[in-house]
Amino acid sequence: MGGADCELVGGGWLAQPVNAWSSLAYLAAAGFVASRRRDAFAVLGAIALVLVGVGSFAYHGPQPG
């Protein structure tokens, strides 16, 4: 998993540390969206950003089976 990404896969807990930590920017974006608007579309968008951020962190970080 992760063999075709821009960052080389390492052997530590975070296989691709830069990609993993930068994936958390999606959480910041979710917080920004949620702080600006409270309608259903914004809430769904913020939830989607959180899910993408968590999934991207897992993919680039610990890479669970």
PDB file of N, CA and C in Angstrom:
ATOM      1  N   MET A   1       0.828  -1.172   0.000  1.00  0.00           N
ATOM      2  CA  MET A   1       0.000   0.000   0.000  1.00  0.00           C
ATOM      3  C   MET A   1       0.880   1.246   0.000  1.00  0.00           C
ATOM      4  N   GLY A   2       0.528   2.241  -0.736  1.00  0.00           N
ATOM      5  CA  GLY A   2       1.271   3.482  -0.720  1.00  0.00           C
ATOM      6  C   GLY A   2       2.514   3.473  -1.581  1.00  0.00           C
ATOM      7  N   GLY A   3       2.701   2.469  -2.424  1.00  0.00           N
ATOM      8  CA  GLY A   3       3.914   2.356  -3.223  1.00  0.00           C
ATOM      9  C   GLY A   3       4.007   3.362  -4.357  1.00  0.00           C
ATOM     10  N   ALA A   4       2.905   3.968  -4.767  1.00  0.00           N
ATOM     11  CA  ALA A   4       2.919   4.879  -5.910  1.00  0.00           C
ATOM     12  C   ALA A   4       2.776   6.339  -5.494  1.00  0.00           C
ATOM     13  N   ASP A   5       3.012   6.644  -4.225  1.00  0.00           N
ATOM     14  CA  ASP A   5       2.863   8.016  -3.742  1.00  0.00           C
ATOM     15  C   ASP A   5       4.138   8.812  -3.967  1.00  0.00           C
ATOM     16  N   CYS A   6       4.037  10.106  -3.758  1.00  0.00           N
ATOM     17  CA  CYS A   6       5.170  11.009  -3.975  1.00  0.00           C
ATOM     18  C   CYS A   6       6.267  10.828  -2.932  1.00  0.00           C
ATOM     19  N   GLU A   7       5.908  10.458  -1.730  1.00  0.00           N
ATOM     20  CA  GLU A   7       6.890  10.310  -0.656  1.00  0.00           C
ATOM     21  C   GLU A   7       7.283   8.843  -0.526  1.00  0.00           C
ATOM     22  N   LEU A   8       8.576   8.597  -0.327  1.00  0.00           N
ATOM     23  CA  LEU A   8       9.035   7.224  -0.152  1.00  0.00           C
ATOM     24  C   LEU A   8       8.438   6.628   1.118  1.00  0.00           C
ATOM     25  N   VAL A   9       8.111   5.353   1.049  1.00  0.00           N
ATOM     26  CA  VAL A   9       7.546   4.656   2.198  1.00  0.00           C
ATOM     27  C   VAL A   9       8.688   4.260   3.125  1.00  0.00           C
ATOM     28  N   GLY A  10       8.590   4.710   4.383  1.00  0.00           N
ATOM     29  CA  GLY A  10       9.608   4.401   5.373  1.00  0.00           C
ATOM     30  C   GLY A  10       9.191   3.230   6.237  1.00  0.00           C
ATOM     31  N   GLY A  11      10.000   2.935   7.220  1.00  0.00           N
ATOM     32  CA  GLY A  11       9.741   1.782   8.068  1.00  0.00           C
ATOM     33  C   GLY A  11       9.182   2.130   9.434  1.00  0.00           C
ATOM     34  N   GLY A  12       8.932   3.402   9.705  1.00  0.00           N
ATOM     35  CA  GLY A  12       8.446   3.809  11.021  1.00  0.00           C
ATOM     36  C   GLY A  12       6.945   3.676  11.155  1.00  0.00           C
ATOM     37  N   TRP A  13       6.424   4.159  12.296  1.00  0.00           N
ATOM     38  CA  TRP A  13       4.984   4.107  12.545  1.00  0.00           C
ATOM     39  C   TRP A  13       4.229   4.878  11.479  1.00  0.00           C
ATOM     40  N   LEU A  14       4.775   6.018  11.058  1.00  0.00           N
ATOM     41  CA  LEU A  14       4.203   6.772   9.951  1.00  0.00           C
ATOM     42  C   LEU A  14       5.021   6.454   8.708  1.00  0.00           C
ATOM     43  N   ALA A  15       4.438   5.679   7.836  1.00  0.00           N
ATOM     44  CA  ALA A  15       5.159   5.236   6.644  1.00  0.00           C
ATOM     45  C   ALA A  15       5.560   6.409   5.756  1.00  0.00           C
ATOM     46  N   GLN A  16       4.719   7.417   5.688  1.00  0.00           N
ATOM     47  CA  GLN A  16       4.987   8.624   4.904  1.00  0.00           C
ATOM     48  C   GLN A  16       4.661   9.827   5.797  1.00  0.00           C
ATOM     49  N   PRO A  17       5.589  10.215   6.662  1.00  0.00           N
ATOM     50  CA  PRO A  17       5.269  11.208   7.684  1.00  0.00           C
ATOM     51  C   PRO A  17       4.824  12.568   7.143  1.00  0.00           C
ATOM     52  N   VAL A  18       5.444  13.076   6.111  1.00  0.00           N
ATOM     53  CA  VAL A  18       5.051  14.395   5.595  1.00  0.00           C
ATOM     54  C   VAL A  18       3.640  14.336   5.026  1.00  0.00           C
ATOM     55  N   ASN A  19       3.353  13.310   4.235  1.00  0.00           N
ATOM     56  CA  ASN A  19       2.002  13.152   3.688  1.00  0.00           C
ATOM     57  C   ASN A  19       0.981  12.931   4.799  1.00  0.00           C
ATOM     58  N   ALA A  20       1.353  12.158   5.811  1.00  0.00           N
ATOM     59  CA  ALA A  20       0.425  11.869   6.908  1.00  0.00           C
ATOM     60  C   ALA A  20       0.074  13.142   7.662  1.00  0.00           C
ATOM     61  N   TRP A  21       1.078  13.901   8.081  1.00  0.00           N
ATOM     62  CA  TRP A  21       0.798  15.114   8.853  1.00  0.00           C
ATOM     63  C   TRP A  21       0.100  16.166   8.010  1.00  0.00           C
ATOM     64  N   SER A  22       0.445  16.267   6.737  1.00  0.00           N
ATOM     65  CA  SER A  22      -0.229  17.266   5.903  1.00  0.00           C
ATOM     66  C   SER A  22      -1.680  16.868   5.622  1.00  0.00           C
ATOM     67  N   SER A  23      -2.008  15.595   5.745  1.00  0.00           N
ATOM     68  CA  SER A  23      -3.390  15.143   5.584  1.00  0.00           C
ATOM     69  C   SER A  23      -4.300  15.738   6.650  1.00  0.00           C
ATOM     70  N   LEU A  24      -3.717  16.090   7.779  1.00  0.00           N
ATOM     71  CA  LEU A  24      -4.519  16.666   8.860  1.00  0.00           C
ATOM     72  C   LEU A  24      -4.981  18.081   8.531  1.00  0.00           C
ATOM     73  N   ALA A  25      -4.476  18.656   7.455  1.00  0.00           N
ATOM     74  CA  ALA A  25      -4.962  19.966   7.011  1.00  0.00           C
ATOM     75  C   ALA A  25      -6.445  19.884   6.649  1.00  0.00           C
ATOM     76  N   TYR A  26      -6.899  18.705   6.260  1.00  0.00           N
ATOM     77  CA  TYR A  26      -8.330  18.528   5.988  1.00  0.00           C
ATOM     78  C   TYR A  26      -9.158  18.795   7.249  1.00  0.00           C
ATOM     79  N   LEU A  27      -8.615  18.460   8.411  1.00  0.00           N
ATOM     80  CA  LEU A  27      -9.330  18.712   9.663  1.00  0.00           C
ATOM     81  C   LEU A  27      -9.417  20.208   9.929  1.00  0.00           C
ATOM     82  N   ALA A  28      -8.347  20.922   9.611  1.00  0.00           N
ATOM     83  CA  ALA A  28      -8.379  22.376   9.750  1.00  0.00           C
ATOM     84  C   ALA A  28      -9.403  22.980   8.794  1.00  0.00           C
ATOM     85  N   ALA A  29      -9.455  22.450   7.584  1.00  0.00           N
ATOM     86  CA  ALA A  29     -10.440  22.934   6.612  1.00  0.00           C
ATOM     87  C   ALA A  29     -11.859  22.654   7.097  1.00  0.00           C
ATOM     88  N   ALA A  30     -12.072  21.500   7.710  1.00  0.00           N
ATOM     89  CA  ALA A  30     -13.398  21.178   8.255  1.00  0.00           C
ATOM     90  C   ALA A  30     -13.776  22.156   9.354  1.00  0.00           C
ATOM     91  N   GLY A  31     -12.820  22.475  10.210  1.00  0.00           N
ATOM     92  CA  GLY A  31     -13.089  23.444  11.261  1.00  0.00           C
ATOM     93  C   GLY A  31     -13.419  24.816  10.696  1.00  0.00           C
ATOM     94  N   PHE A  32     -12.725  25.196   9.642  1.00  0.00           N
ATOM     95  CA  PHE A  32     -12.987  26.480   9.001  1.00  0.00           C
ATOM     96  C   PHE A  32     -14.396  26.509   8.416  1.00  0.00           C
ATOM     97  N   VAL A  33     -14.761  25.455   7.695  1.00  0.00           N
ATOM     98  CA  VAL A  33     -16.101  25.392   7.092  1.00  0.00           C
ATOM     99  C   VAL A  33     -17.170  25.425   8.177  1.00  0.00           C
ATOM    100  N   ALA A  34     -16.965  24.642   9.225  1.00  0.00           N
ATOM    101  CA  ALA A  34     -17.957  24.564  10.295  1.00  0.00           C
ATOM    102  C   ALA A  34     -18.076  25.891  11.063  1.00  0.00           C
ATOM    103  N   SER A  35     -16.988  26.645  11.124  1.00  0.00           N
ATOM    104  CA  SER A  35     -17.044  27.903  11.864  1.00  0.00           C
ATOM    105  C   SER A  35     -17.697  29.030  11.065  1.00  0.00           C
ATOM    106  N   ARG A  36     -17.785  28.869   9.757  1.00  0.00           N
ATOM    107  CA  ARG A  36     -18.332  29.931   8.908  1.00  0.00           C
ATOM    108  C   ARG A  36     -19.830  29.788   8.648  1.00  0.00           C
ATOM    109  N   ARG A  37     -20.270  28.544   8.520  1.00  0.00           N
ATOM    110  CA  ARG A  37     -21.681  28.313   8.164  1.00  0.00           C
ATOM    111  C   ARG A  37     -22.226  27.170   8.988  1.00  0.00           C
ATOM    112  N   ARG A  38     -23.523  27.190   9.199  1.00  0.00           N
ATOM    113  CA  ARG A  38     -24.169  26.146  10.002  1.00  0.00           C
ATOM    114  C   ARG A  38     -25.284  25.430   9.251  1.00  0.00           C
ATOM    115  N   ASP A  39     -25.406  25.632   7.950  1.00  0.00           N
ATOM    116  CA  ASP A  39     -26.475  24.961   7.216  1.00  0.00           C
ATOM    117  C   ASP A  39     -26.090  23.501   6.946  1.00  0.00           C
ATOM    118  N   ALA A  40     -27.052  22.730   6.486  1.00  0.00           N
ATOM    119  CA  ALA A  40     -26.844  21.290   6.282  1.00  0.00           C
ATOM    120  C   ALA A  40     -25.730  21.003   5.282  1.00  0.00           C
ATOM    121  N   PHE A  41     -25.636  21.790   4.230  1.00  0.00           N
ATOM    122  CA  PHE A  41     -24.607  21.585   3.218  1.00  0.00           C
ATOM    123  C   PHE A  41     -23.212  21.768   3.827  1.00  0.00           C
ATOM    124  N   ALA A  42     -23.040  22.792   4.654  1.00  0.00           N
ATOM    125  CA  ALA A  42     -21.742  23.042   5.286  1.00  0.00           C
ATOM    126  C   ALA A  42     -21.402  21.939   6.283  1.00  0.00           C
ATOM    127  N   VAL A  43     -22.392  21.494   7.033  1.00  0.00           N
ATOM    128  CA  VAL A  43     -22.151  20.416   7.999  1.00  0.00           C
ATOM    129  C   VAL A  43     -21.735  19.141   7.277  1.00  0.00           C
ATOM    130  N   LEU A  44     -22.433  18.796   6.211  1.00  0.00           N
ATOM    131  CA  LEU A  44     -22.056  17.602   5.441  1.00  0.00           C
ATOM    132  C   LEU A  44     -20.672  17.760   4.829  1.00  0.00           C
ATOM    133  N   GLY A  45     -20.366  18.947   4.351  1.00  0.00           N
ATOM    134  CA  GLY A  45     -19.038  19.200   3.796  1.00  0.00           C
ATOM    135  C   GLY A  45     -17.953  19.066   4.849  1.00  0.00           C
ATOM    136  N   ALA A  46     -18.204  19.580   6.047  1.00  0.00           N
ATOM    137  CA  ALA A  46     -17.233  19.469   7.127  1.00  0.00           C
ATOM    138  C   ALA A  46     -17.038  18.012   7.543  1.00  0.00           C
ATOM    139  N   ILE A  47     -18.119  17.266   7.595  1.00  0.00           N
ATOM    140  CA  ILE A  47     -18.016  15.833   7.926  1.00  0.00           C
ATOM    141  C   ILE A  47     -17.205  15.105   6.861  1.00  0.00           C
ATOM    142  N   ALA A  48     -17.454  15.417   5.601  1.00  0.00           N
ATOM    143  CA  ALA A  48     -16.699  14.794   4.515  1.00  0.00           C
ATOM    144  C   ALA A  48     -15.213  15.125   4.629  1.00  0.00           C
ATOM    145  N   LEU A  49     -14.891  16.364   4.953  1.00  0.00           N
ATOM    146  CA  LEU A  49     -13.487  16.750   5.109  1.00  0.00           C
ATOM    147  C   LEU A  49     -12.827  16.012   6.265  1.00  0.00           C
ATOM    148  N   VAL A  50     -13.548  15.831   7.356  1.00  0.00           N
ATOM    149  CA  VAL A  50     -13.003  15.072   8.487  1.00  0.00           C
ATOM    150  C   VAL A  50     -12.729  13.630   8.072  1.00  0.00           C
ATOM    151  N   LEU A  51     -13.675  13.012   7.376  1.00  0.00           N
ATOM    152  CA  LEU A  51     -13.491  11.623   6.954  1.00  0.00           C
ATOM    153  C   LEU A  51     -12.316  11.481   5.991  1.00  0.00           C
ATOM    154  N   VAL A  52     -12.183  12.410   5.061  1.00  0.00           N
ATOM    155  CA  VAL A  52     -11.061  12.375   4.124  1.00  0.00           C
ATOM    156  C   VAL A  52      -9.740  12.556   4.871  1.00  0.00           C
ATOM    157  N   GLY A  53      -9.720  13.492   5.829  1.00  0.00           N
ATOM    158  CA  GLY A  53      -8.495  13.721   6.591  1.00  0.00           C
ATOM    159  C   GLY A  53      -8.070  12.505   7.394  1.00  0.00           C
ATOM    160  N   VAL A  54      -9.022  11.884   8.069  1.00  0.00           N
ATOM    161  CA  VAL A  54      -8.716  10.695   8.873  1.00  0.00           C
ATOM    162  C   VAL A  54      -8.270   9.546   7.970  1.00  0.00           C
ATOM    163  N   GLY A  55      -8.982   9.344   6.873  1.00  0.00           N
ATOM    164  CA  GLY A  55      -8.612   8.270   5.948  1.00  0.00           C
ATOM    165  C   GLY A  55      -7.260   8.504   5.306  1.00  0.00           C
ATOM    166  N   SER A  56      -6.995   9.732   4.923  1.00  0.00           N
ATOM    167  CA  SER A  56      -5.703  10.056   4.314  1.00  0.00           C
ATOM    168  C   SER A  56      -4.576   9.894   5.314  1.00  0.00           C
ATOM    169  N   PHE A  57      -4.805  10.304   6.563  1.00  0.00           N
ATOM    170  CA  PHE A  57      -3.778  10.114   7.590  1.00  0.00           C
ATOM    171  C   PHE A  57      -3.495   8.629   7.798  1.00  0.00           C
ATOM    172  N   ALA A  58      -4.549   7.822   7.842  1.00  0.00           N
ATOM    173  CA  ALA A  58      -4.373   6.377   8.028  1.00  0.00           C
ATOM    174  C   ALA A  58      -3.625   5.766   6.830  1.00  0.00           C
ATOM    175  N   TYR A  59      -3.960   6.206   5.628  1.00  0.00           N
ATOM    176  CA  TYR A  59      -3.321   5.666   4.423  1.00  0.00           C
ATOM    177  C   TYR A  59      -1.844   6.006   4.382  1.00  0.00           C
ATOM    178  N   HIS A  60      -1.505   7.252   4.682  1.00  0.00           N
ATOM    179  CA  HIS A  60      -0.115   7.684   4.600  1.00  0.00           C
ATOM    180  C   HIS A  60       0.662   7.430   5.878  1.00  0.00           C
ATOM    181  N   GLY A  61      -0.053   7.249   6.965  1.00  0.00           N
ATOM    182  CA  GLY A  61       0.607   7.051   8.260  1.00  0.00           C
ATOM    183  C   GLY A  61       0.813   5.597   8.595  1.00  0.00           C
ATOM    184  N   PRO A  62      -0.002   5.060   9.500  1.00  0.00           N
ATOM    185  CA  PRO A  62       0.201   3.675   9.939  1.00  0.00           C
ATOM    186  C   PRO A  62      -0.145   2.624   8.892  1.00  0.00           C
ATOM    187  N   GLN A  63      -0.869   2.984   7.881  1.00  0.00           N
ATOM    188  CA  GLN A  63      -1.252   2.089   6.780  1.00  0.00           C
ATOM    189  C   GLN A  63      -1.798   0.753   7.278  1.00  0.00           C
ATOM    190  N   PRO A  64      -2.958   0.773   7.947  1.00  0.00           N
ATOM    191  CA  PRO A  64      -3.528  -0.490   8.439  1.00  0.00           C
ATOM    192  C   PRO A  64      -3.950  -1.412   7.297  1.00  0.00           C
ATOM    193  N   GLY A  65      -3.918  -2.670   7.563  1.00  0.00           N
ATOM    194  CA  GLY A  65      -4.283  -3.660   6.555  1.00  0.00           C
ATOM    195  C   GLY A  65      -5.723  -3.617   6.260  1.00  0.00           C
TER     196      GLY A  65
END
